[in-house]
Amino acid sequence: MNKQTPEQIGSEGSGLMNRLAKRPVRIPSRVVLGGDKEVVIVHEAEEYRLQVNPEGKLVLSR
């Protein structure tokens, strides 16, 4: 694996750095769900359930 320093990444052009700097970060739901219909997200010792309902909408519950 070929790891790069931040300086090397920055030298490849500002395109990558601009994408990384955008906030909030956009993560596709398929990445979060990993192919499942439900995942548990732990935030500050609290568990939240993120699931896809029958209509294909995301539902976050505690």
C-alpha atoms as a PDB file:
ATOM      1  CA  MET A   1       0.000   0.000   0.000  1.00  0.00           C
ATOM      2  CA  ASN A   2       1.324   3.402  -0.951  1.00  0.00           C
ATOM      3  CA  LYS A   3       0.544   5.947   1.788  1.00  0.00           C
ATOM      4  CA  GLN A   4       0.911   9.643   1.085  1.00  0.00           C
ATOM      5  CA  THR A   5       1.645  12.530   3.370  1.00  0.00           C
ATOM      6  CA  PRO A   6      -0.753  15.519   3.435  1.00  0.00           C
ATOM      7  CA  GLU A   7       1.861  17.474   1.497  1.00  0.00           C
ATOM      8  CA  GLN A   8       1.920  14.847  -1.252  1.00  0.00           C
ATOM      9  CA  ILE A   9      -1.866  14.786  -1.439  1.00  0.00           C
ATOM     10  CA  GLY A  10      -1.954  18.579  -1.621  1.00  0.00           C
ATOM     11  CA  SER A  11       0.607  18.583  -4.410  1.00  0.00           C
ATOM     12  CA  GLU A  12      -1.715  16.507  -6.613  1.00  0.00           C
ATOM     13  CA  GLY A  13      -3.976  19.514  -7.048  1.00  0.00           C
ATOM     14  CA  SER A  14      -6.628  21.310  -5.111  1.00  0.00           C
ATOM     15  CA  GLY A  15      -9.486  19.124  -6.388  1.00  0.00           C
ATOM     16  CA  LEU A  16      -9.001  16.362  -3.829  1.00  0.00           C
ATOM     17  CA  MET A  17      -8.370  18.783  -0.992  1.00  0.00           C
ATOM     18  CA  ASN A  18     -11.497  20.757  -1.884  1.00  0.00           C
ATOM     19  CA  ARG A  19     -13.606  17.583  -1.814  1.00  0.00           C
ATOM     20  CA  LEU A  20     -12.158  16.570   1.547  1.00  0.00           C
ATOM     21  CA  ALA A  21     -12.696  20.051   2.998  1.00  0.00           C
ATOM     22  CA  LYS A  22     -16.411  20.249   2.128  1.00  0.00           C
ATOM     23  CA  ARG A  23     -18.698  20.039   5.116  1.00  0.00           C
ATOM     24  CA  PRO A  24     -20.836  18.303   5.930  1.00  0.00           C
ATOM     25  CA  VAL A  25     -19.207  15.189   4.510  1.00  0.00           C
ATOM     26  CA  ARG A  26     -21.589  13.285   2.220  1.00  0.00           C
ATOM     27  CA  ILE A  27     -21.679   9.525   2.761  1.00  0.00           C
ATOM     28  CA  PRO A  28     -23.966   7.382   0.600  1.00  0.00           C
ATOM     29  CA  SER A  29     -26.505   5.448   2.668  1.00  0.00           C
ATOM     30  CA  ARG A  30     -25.364   2.196   1.021  1.00  0.00           C
ATOM     31  CA  VAL A  31     -21.942   2.774   2.597  1.00  0.00           C
ATOM     32  CA  VAL A  32     -23.419   3.350   6.061  1.00  0.00           C
ATOM     33  CA  LEU A  33     -25.859   0.440   5.784  1.00  0.00           C
ATOM     34  CA  GLY A  34     -23.360  -1.913   4.159  1.00  0.00           C
ATOM     35  CA  GLY A  35     -26.090  -3.706   2.223  1.00  0.00           C
ATOM     36  CA  ASP A  36     -28.261  -4.264   5.305  1.00  0.00           C
ATOM     37  CA  LYS A  37     -31.661  -2.753   6.042  1.00  0.00           C
ATOM     38  CA  GLU A  38     -30.664  -1.667   9.549  1.00  0.00           C
ATOM     39  CA  VAL A  39     -27.598  -0.565  11.515  1.00  0.00           C
ATOM     40  CA  VAL A  40     -27.018   0.595  15.081  1.00  0.00           C
ATOM     41  CA  ILE A  41     -25.113   3.860  15.483  1.00  0.00           C
ATOM     42  CA  VAL A  42     -23.493   4.547  18.856  1.00  0.00           C
ATOM     43  CA  HIS A  43     -23.193   8.226  19.753  1.00  0.00           C
ATOM     44  CA  GLU A  44     -21.949   9.287  23.185  1.00  0.00           C
ATOM     45  CA  ALA A  45     -22.875   5.898  24.706  1.00  0.00           C
ATOM     46  CA  GLU A  46     -26.422   6.089  23.267  1.00  0.00           C
ATOM     47  CA  GLU A  47     -27.614   3.641  20.615  1.00  0.00           C
ATOM     48  CA  TYR A  48     -29.628   4.786  17.625  1.00  0.00           C
ATOM     49  CA  ARG A  49     -31.167   2.521  15.005  1.00  0.00           C
ATOM     50  CA  LEU A  50     -30.974   3.608  11.363  1.00  0.00           C
ATOM     51  CA  GLN A  51     -33.222   1.550   9.140  1.00  0.00           C
ATOM     52  CA  VAL A  52     -34.798   1.568   5.706  1.00  0.00           C
ATOM     53  CA  ASN A  53     -38.585   1.396   5.889  1.00  0.00           C
ATOM     54  CA  PRO A  54     -40.742  -0.472   3.330  1.00  0.00           C
ATOM     55  CA  GLU A  55     -41.075   2.737   1.274  1.00  0.00           C
ATOM     56  CA  GLY A  56     -37.280   3.017   0.999  1.00  0.00           C
ATOM     57  CA  LYS A  57     -37.012   5.992   3.385  1.00  0.00           C
ATOM     58  CA  LEU A  58     -34.401   6.225   6.141  1.00  0.00           C
ATOM     59  CA  VAL A  59     -35.679   6.230   9.700  1.00  0.00           C
ATOM     60  CA  LEU A  60     -33.477   7.109  12.693  1.00  0.00           C
ATOM     61  CA  SER A  61     -34.858   6.100  16.089  1.00  0.00           C
ATOM     62  CA  ARG A  62     -33.589   5.690  19.599  1.00  0.00           C
END
